[in-house]
């Protein structure tokens, strides 16, 4: 599934265009970036190698995520892959170079982008959707796991295949995956590199929905539009609360939630929702 290049150019966020005009950054070469119906879409665009990831590609992803975060007209972020795959994981030529790097080089150059992209997606205050159109392997699986929602085509496949390279999943999956699928299944995926197909992914909670391949973009955009119509402040607070809840205590979260709820009630969205309910109409949130 590929966003048409003409759309990707015409719909590119203005702040990315401005950065390019100012000479600070170049336009993306490995991804497509566009906006439709307040959904910012990032498409991994090297289908010739199943969108295998490199530091250069993920640097572009980081820039696009930052631009979408700063754009008030973008309410939701969506990630997908061009062609037949979401992402096959790390690029093989890059991984060969990686084996020759020092630990310092790996930490400061490679994972600045790999872990940086996963963190940026997970910590993004706006809702994030992975439209998984095919294989999501290794780092590609970690990117999908970092998203709030995963819509899978019937051809989707998830695999934390790191163990097959003699390494571990370092981009958040070691923590996030057990929270999503349970410890037993996560242990199987991480220690055996088990492949999980679309239907199984839905049954274990890894995918929110499975749809025919031809309907993946439409279904993902439908979810994106639904989220874009929602109250952005409350969505951001809920995302923060869910992350906090993974690491915190019930008493601490009760206290924090009362504070956060007080802020939301005073934000204006609550008053609009109450008034819309009284007037029997759909609320229009800021």
Protein backbone atom coordinates (compact mmCIF):
# COMPACT_ATOMS: atom_id res chain seq x y z
CA UNK A 1 0.00 0.00 0.00
CA UNK A 2 1.66 3.23 -1.16
CA UNK A 3 0.51 6.80 -0.75
CA UNK A 4 0.62 8.38 -4.23
CA UNK A 5 3.82 10.41 -4.58
CA UNK A 6 1.86 13.45 -5.79
CA UNK A 7 -0.20 13.41 -2.61
CA UNK A 8 2.91 12.93 -0.49
CA UNK A 9 4.49 16.07 -1.99
CA UNK A 10 1.40 18.29 -1.98
CA UNK A 11 0.33 17.22 1.49
CA UNK A 12 3.70 17.46 3.19
CA UNK A 13 3.56 19.43 6.46
CA UNK A 14 4.42 23.09 6.00
CA UNK A 15 6.98 23.01 8.81
CA UNK A 16 8.93 20.26 7.00
CA UNK A 17 8.84 22.31 3.80
CA UNK A 18 10.02 25.39 5.71
CA UNK A 19 12.94 23.48 7.20
CA UNK A 20 14.01 22.34 3.74
CA UNK A 21 13.73 25.88 2.37
CA UNK A 22 15.88 27.17 5.22
CA UNK A 23 18.54 24.59 4.36
CA UNK A 24 18.42 22.89 7.75
CA UNK A 25 17.16 19.57 6.52
CA UNK A 26 16.58 17.80 3.23
CA UNK A 27 13.25 16.41 2.11
CA UNK A 28 12.65 12.76 3.04
CA UNK A 29 14.19 10.22 0.67
CA UNK A 30 13.23 6.96 2.37
CA UNK A 31 9.71 7.75 3.53
CA UNK A 32 6.59 9.38 2.15
CA UNK A 33 4.92 12.02 4.29
CA UNK A 34 1.44 13.45 3.75
CA UNK A 35 -1.63 14.68 5.58
CA UNK A 36 -5.24 13.66 4.90
CA UNK A 37 -8.26 14.46 7.05
CA UNK A 38 -6.02 15.65 9.93
CA UNK A 39 -4.13 12.34 9.89
CA UNK A 40 -0.38 12.66 9.36
CA UNK A 41 0.80 9.64 7.41
CA UNK A 42 4.36 8.29 7.38
CA UNK A 43 5.01 5.53 4.84
CA UNK A 44 8.25 3.54 4.88
CA UNK A 45 9.13 3.73 1.21
CA UNK A 46 11.85 1.28 0.24
CA UNK A 47 9.64 -1.57 -1.00
CA UNK A 48 12.53 -3.14 -2.90
CA UNK A 49 13.86 -4.46 0.44
CA UNK A 50 10.51 -4.70 2.26
CA UNK A 51 11.13 -1.31 3.91
CA UNK A 52 14.17 -2.51 5.85
CA UNK A 53 15.20 0.15 8.35
CA UNK A 54 18.39 2.19 8.44
CA UNK A 55 19.51 5.05 10.69
CA UNK A 56 18.95 7.40 7.76
CA UNK A 57 15.33 6.29 7.31
CA UNK A 58 14.59 6.53 11.02
CA UNK A 59 16.17 9.99 11.20
CA UNK A 60 13.56 11.00 8.61
CA UNK A 61 10.84 9.33 10.69
CA UNK A 62 11.97 11.29 13.76
CA UNK A 63 11.82 14.54 11.82
CA UNK A 64 8.36 13.75 10.47
CA UNK A 65 7.00 12.80 13.89
CA UNK A 66 8.34 16.04 15.35
CA UNK A 67 6.78 18.04 12.52
CA UNK A 68 3.40 16.36 12.99
CA UNK A 69 3.55 16.91 16.75
CA UNK A 70 4.10 20.62 16.16
CA UNK A 71 1.35 20.91 13.53
CA UNK A 72 -2.00 21.83 15.17
CA UNK A 73 -3.84 20.69 12.03
CA UNK A 74 -2.56 17.11 12.51
CA UNK A 75 -4.48 15.24 15.20
CA UNK A 76 -3.37 11.63 14.54
CA UNK A 77 -0.23 9.91 13.19
CA UNK A 78 -0.36 6.79 11.03
CA UNK A 79 2.52 4.53 9.98
CA UNK A 80 2.53 2.00 7.17
CA UNK A 81 4.80 0.45 4.57
CA UNK A 82 4.95 0.71 0.80
CA UNK A 83 4.58 -2.46 -1.22
CA UNK A 84 4.10 -5.87 0.39
CA UNK A 85 5.66 -5.31 3.81
CA UNK A 86 5.37 -3.02 6.81
CA UNK A 87 9.08 -3.38 7.58
CA UNK A 88 11.44 -6.34 7.41
CA UNK A 89 13.53 -4.93 10.28
CA UNK A 90 17.13 -3.80 10.02
CA UNK A 91 18.68 -3.49 6.57
CA UNK A 92 21.16 -6.33 5.99
CA UNK A 93 23.97 -4.13 4.64
CA UNK A 94 23.56 -1.87 7.64
CA UNK A 95 23.59 -4.82 10.05
CA UNK A 96 26.85 -6.04 8.53
CA UNK A 97 28.37 -2.61 9.22
CA UNK A 98 26.83 -2.68 12.69
CA UNK A 99 28.79 -5.79 13.62
CA UNK A 100 32.03 -3.83 13.10
CA UNK A 101 31.07 -0.88 15.33
CA UNK A 102 32.23 -0.24 18.86
CA UNK A 103 29.66 -0.26 21.69
CA UNK A 104 29.94 3.54 21.92
CA UNK A 105 29.23 3.91 18.20
CA UNK A 106 26.25 1.58 18.45
CA UNK A 107 24.78 3.49 21.37
CA UNK A 108 25.47 7.03 20.20
CA UNK A 109 24.82 6.77 16.46
CA UNK A 110 22.66 3.73 15.72
CA UNK A 111 20.28 3.68 18.66
CA UNK A 112 19.99 7.43 18.63
CA UNK A 113 17.75 6.79 15.63
CA UNK A 114 16.34 3.29 16.23
CA UNK A 115 15.44 3.77 19.89
CA UNK A 116 14.78 7.44 19.22
CA UNK A 117 12.07 6.64 16.69
CA UNK A 118 10.38 4.08 18.94
CA UNK A 119 10.45 6.53 21.87
CA UNK A 120 9.12 9.39 19.75
CA UNK A 121 6.19 7.27 18.58
CA UNK A 122 5.36 5.90 22.02
CA UNK A 123 5.70 9.27 23.76
CA UNK A 124 3.87 11.23 21.06
CA UNK A 125 0.92 13.00 22.74
CA UNK A 126 -1.20 12.41 19.66
CA UNK A 127 -2.81 9.01 18.89
CA UNK A 128 -0.70 6.74 16.69
CA UNK A 129 -1.85 3.96 14.34
CA UNK A 130 0.20 1.24 12.67
CA UNK A 131 -1.47 0.09 9.45
CA UNK A 132 0.38 -3.22 9.16
CA UNK A 133 0.13 -4.31 5.55
CA UNK A 134 2.59 -7.23 5.66
CA UNK A 135 5.59 -8.47 7.60
CA UNK A 136 6.56 -6.41 10.67
CA UNK A 137 9.83 -8.00 11.76
CA UNK A 138 12.43 -7.04 14.37
CA UNK A 139 12.64 -3.26 14.55
CA UNK A 140 9.57 -3.09 12.31
CA UNK A 141 7.64 -5.08 14.89
CA UNK A 142 8.93 -2.79 17.63
CA UNK A 143 7.68 0.27 15.73
CA UNK A 144 4.23 -1.31 15.40
CA UNK A 145 4.20 -2.28 19.09
CA UNK A 146 5.05 1.32 20.03
CA UNK A 147 1.86 2.57 18.33
CA UNK A 148 -1.42 2.96 20.22
CA UNK A 149 -3.44 1.01 17.64
CA UNK A 150 -2.52 -1.72 15.17
CA UNK A 151 -4.81 -2.40 12.22
CA UNK A 152 -3.60 -5.50 10.37
CA UNK A 153 -4.27 -6.65 6.86
CA UNK A 154 -4.98 -10.34 6.35
CA UNK A 155 -1.36 -10.63 5.13
CA UNK A 156 0.19 -9.06 8.24
CA UNK A 157 2.78 -10.95 10.27
CA UNK A 158 4.55 -9.89 13.47
CA UNK A 159 7.90 -11.29 14.55
CA UNK A 160 10.39 -10.25 17.23
CA UNK A 161 13.11 -12.08 15.35
CA UNK A 162 16.07 -10.59 17.22
CA UNK A 163 16.90 -13.89 18.91
CA UNK A 164 17.73 -15.37 15.52
CA UNK A 165 20.58 -12.87 15.29
CA UNK A 166 21.76 -13.68 18.79
CA UNK A 167 20.51 -10.40 20.26
CA UNK A 168 17.53 -9.04 22.21
CA UNK A 169 14.65 -6.72 21.36
CA UNK A 170 15.99 -3.33 22.53
CA UNK A 171 13.42 -0.78 21.33
CA UNK A 172 10.77 -1.18 24.00
CA UNK A 173 9.23 -4.53 23.10
CA UNK A 174 10.78 -6.26 26.11
CA UNK A 175 8.63 -4.02 28.28
CA UNK A 176 5.63 -3.25 26.05
CA UNK A 177 4.98 -6.65 24.49
CA UNK A 178 4.19 -8.48 27.77
CA UNK A 179 1.80 -5.65 28.62
CA UNK A 180 -0.05 -6.24 25.34
CA UNK A 181 -0.04 -10.02 24.82
CA UNK A 182 0.84 -11.37 28.28
CA UNK A 183 4.10 -12.72 29.65
CA UNK A 184 3.76 -16.25 28.27
CA UNK A 185 3.17 -15.24 24.64
CA UNK A 186 5.71 -12.44 24.82
CA UNK A 187 8.33 -14.88 26.13
CA UNK A 188 7.59 -17.19 23.20
CA UNK A 189 7.86 -14.38 20.66
CA UNK A 190 11.04 -12.95 22.17
CA UNK A 191 12.92 -16.16 22.98
CA UNK A 192 11.87 -18.25 19.98
CA UNK A 193 11.31 -15.57 17.37
CA UNK A 194 7.81 -16.96 16.78
CA UNK A 195 5.90 -15.52 13.85
CA UNK A 196 2.38 -14.33 14.66
CA UNK A 197 -0.10 -14.07 11.80
CA UNK A 198 -2.91 -11.55 11.54
CA UNK A 199 -5.72 -13.61 13.07
CA UNK A 200 -3.58 -14.80 15.96
CA UNK A 201 -2.39 -11.24 16.50
CA UNK A 202 -5.97 -10.13 16.95
CA UNK A 203 -6.78 -13.03 19.25
CA UNK A 204 -3.90 -12.16 21.62
CA UNK A 205 -4.51 -8.42 21.53
CA UNK A 206 -1.55 -7.49 19.35
CA UNK A 207 -3.85 -6.28 16.55
CA UNK A 208 -7.00 -4.28 17.20
CA UNK A 209 -8.61 -5.36 13.93
CA UNK A 210 -7.88 -7.52 10.90
CA UNK A 211 -9.21 -6.44 7.52
CA UNK A 212 -8.81 -7.50 3.87
CA UNK A 213 -5.65 -6.06 2.36
CA UNK A 214 -7.60 -3.87 -0.07
CA UNK A 215 -9.44 -2.23 2.84
CA UNK A 216 -6.49 -1.55 5.14
CA UNK A 217 -5.95 2.10 4.25
CA UNK A 218 -9.68 2.87 4.36
CA UNK A 219 -10.13 1.17 7.74
CA UNK A 220 -7.05 2.80 9.21
CA UNK A 221 -8.13 6.23 7.97
CA UNK A 222 -11.61 5.63 9.38
CA UNK A 223 -10.07 5.02 12.80
CA UNK A 224 -7.83 8.03 12.30
CA UNK A 225 -10.80 10.26 11.47
CA UNK A 226 -12.66 9.01 14.53
CA UNK A 227 -9.68 9.83 16.74
CA UNK A 228 -9.14 13.19 15.01
CA UNK A 229 -12.69 14.19 15.94
CA UNK A 230 -12.00 13.42 19.60
CA UNK A 231 -10.78 15.72 22.38
CA UNK A 232 -7.03 16.03 21.85
CA UNK A 233 -6.27 17.14 25.40
CA UNK A 234 -8.06 14.16 26.93
CA UNK A 235 -6.40 11.79 24.46
CA UNK A 236 -2.96 13.08 25.44
CA UNK A 237 -3.75 12.74 29.15
CA UNK A 238 -5.11 9.20 28.64
CA UNK A 239 -1.94 8.21 26.76
CA UNK A 240 0.19 9.59 29.57
CA UNK A 241 -1.98 7.85 32.17
CA UNK A 242 -1.72 4.48 30.42
CA UNK A 243 2.07 4.77 30.28
CA UNK A 244 2.26 5.82 33.92
CA UNK A 245 -0.02 2.96 34.93
CA UNK A 246 2.45 0.40 33.59
CA UNK A 247 5.09 1.57 36.05
CA UNK A 248 3.25 3.22 38.91
CA UNK A 249 0.93 2.26 41.80
CA UNK A 250 -2.84 2.50 42.07
CA UNK A 251 -2.73 5.11 44.85
CA UNK A 252 -0.25 7.29 42.94
CA UNK A 253 -2.40 7.12 39.82
CA UNK A 254 -5.59 7.99 41.71
CA UNK A 255 -3.87 11.14 42.95
CA UNK A 256 -2.45 12.04 39.55
CA UNK A 257 -5.74 11.31 37.74
CA UNK A 258 -7.70 13.67 39.99
CA UNK A 259 -5.27 16.44 39.13
CA UNK A 260 -5.37 15.61 35.41
CA UNK A 261 -9.16 15.32 35.39
CA UNK A 262 -9.51 18.74 37.04
CA UNK A 263 -7.40 20.25 34.25
CA UNK A 264 -9.50 18.55 31.56
CA UNK A 265 -12.81 19.66 33.05
CA UNK A 266 -11.53 23.24 32.96
CA UNK A 267 -10.18 23.00 29.40
CA UNK A 268 -13.38 23.88 27.52
CA UNK A 269 -13.83 20.50 25.86
CA UNK A 270 -15.90 19.26 28.80
CA UNK A 271 -18.26 22.25 28.64
CA UNK A 272 -18.62 21.77 24.88
CA UNK A 273 -19.43 18.08 25.32
CA UNK A 274 -22.08 18.82 27.97
CA UNK A 275 -23.65 21.54 25.83
CA UNK A 276 -23.64 19.26 22.77
CA UNK A 277 -25.34 16.52 24.78
CA UNK A 278 -28.04 18.95 25.87
CA UNK A 279 -28.49 20.14 22.26
CA UNK A 280 -28.43 16.56 20.91
CA UNK A 281 -25.55 17.22 18.50
CA UNK A 282 -22.01 16.00 17.99
CA UNK A 283 -19.44 17.97 20.03
CA UNK A 284 -16.80 20.00 18.22
CA UNK A 285 -13.56 19.84 20.15
CA UNK A 286 -10.67 22.30 19.86
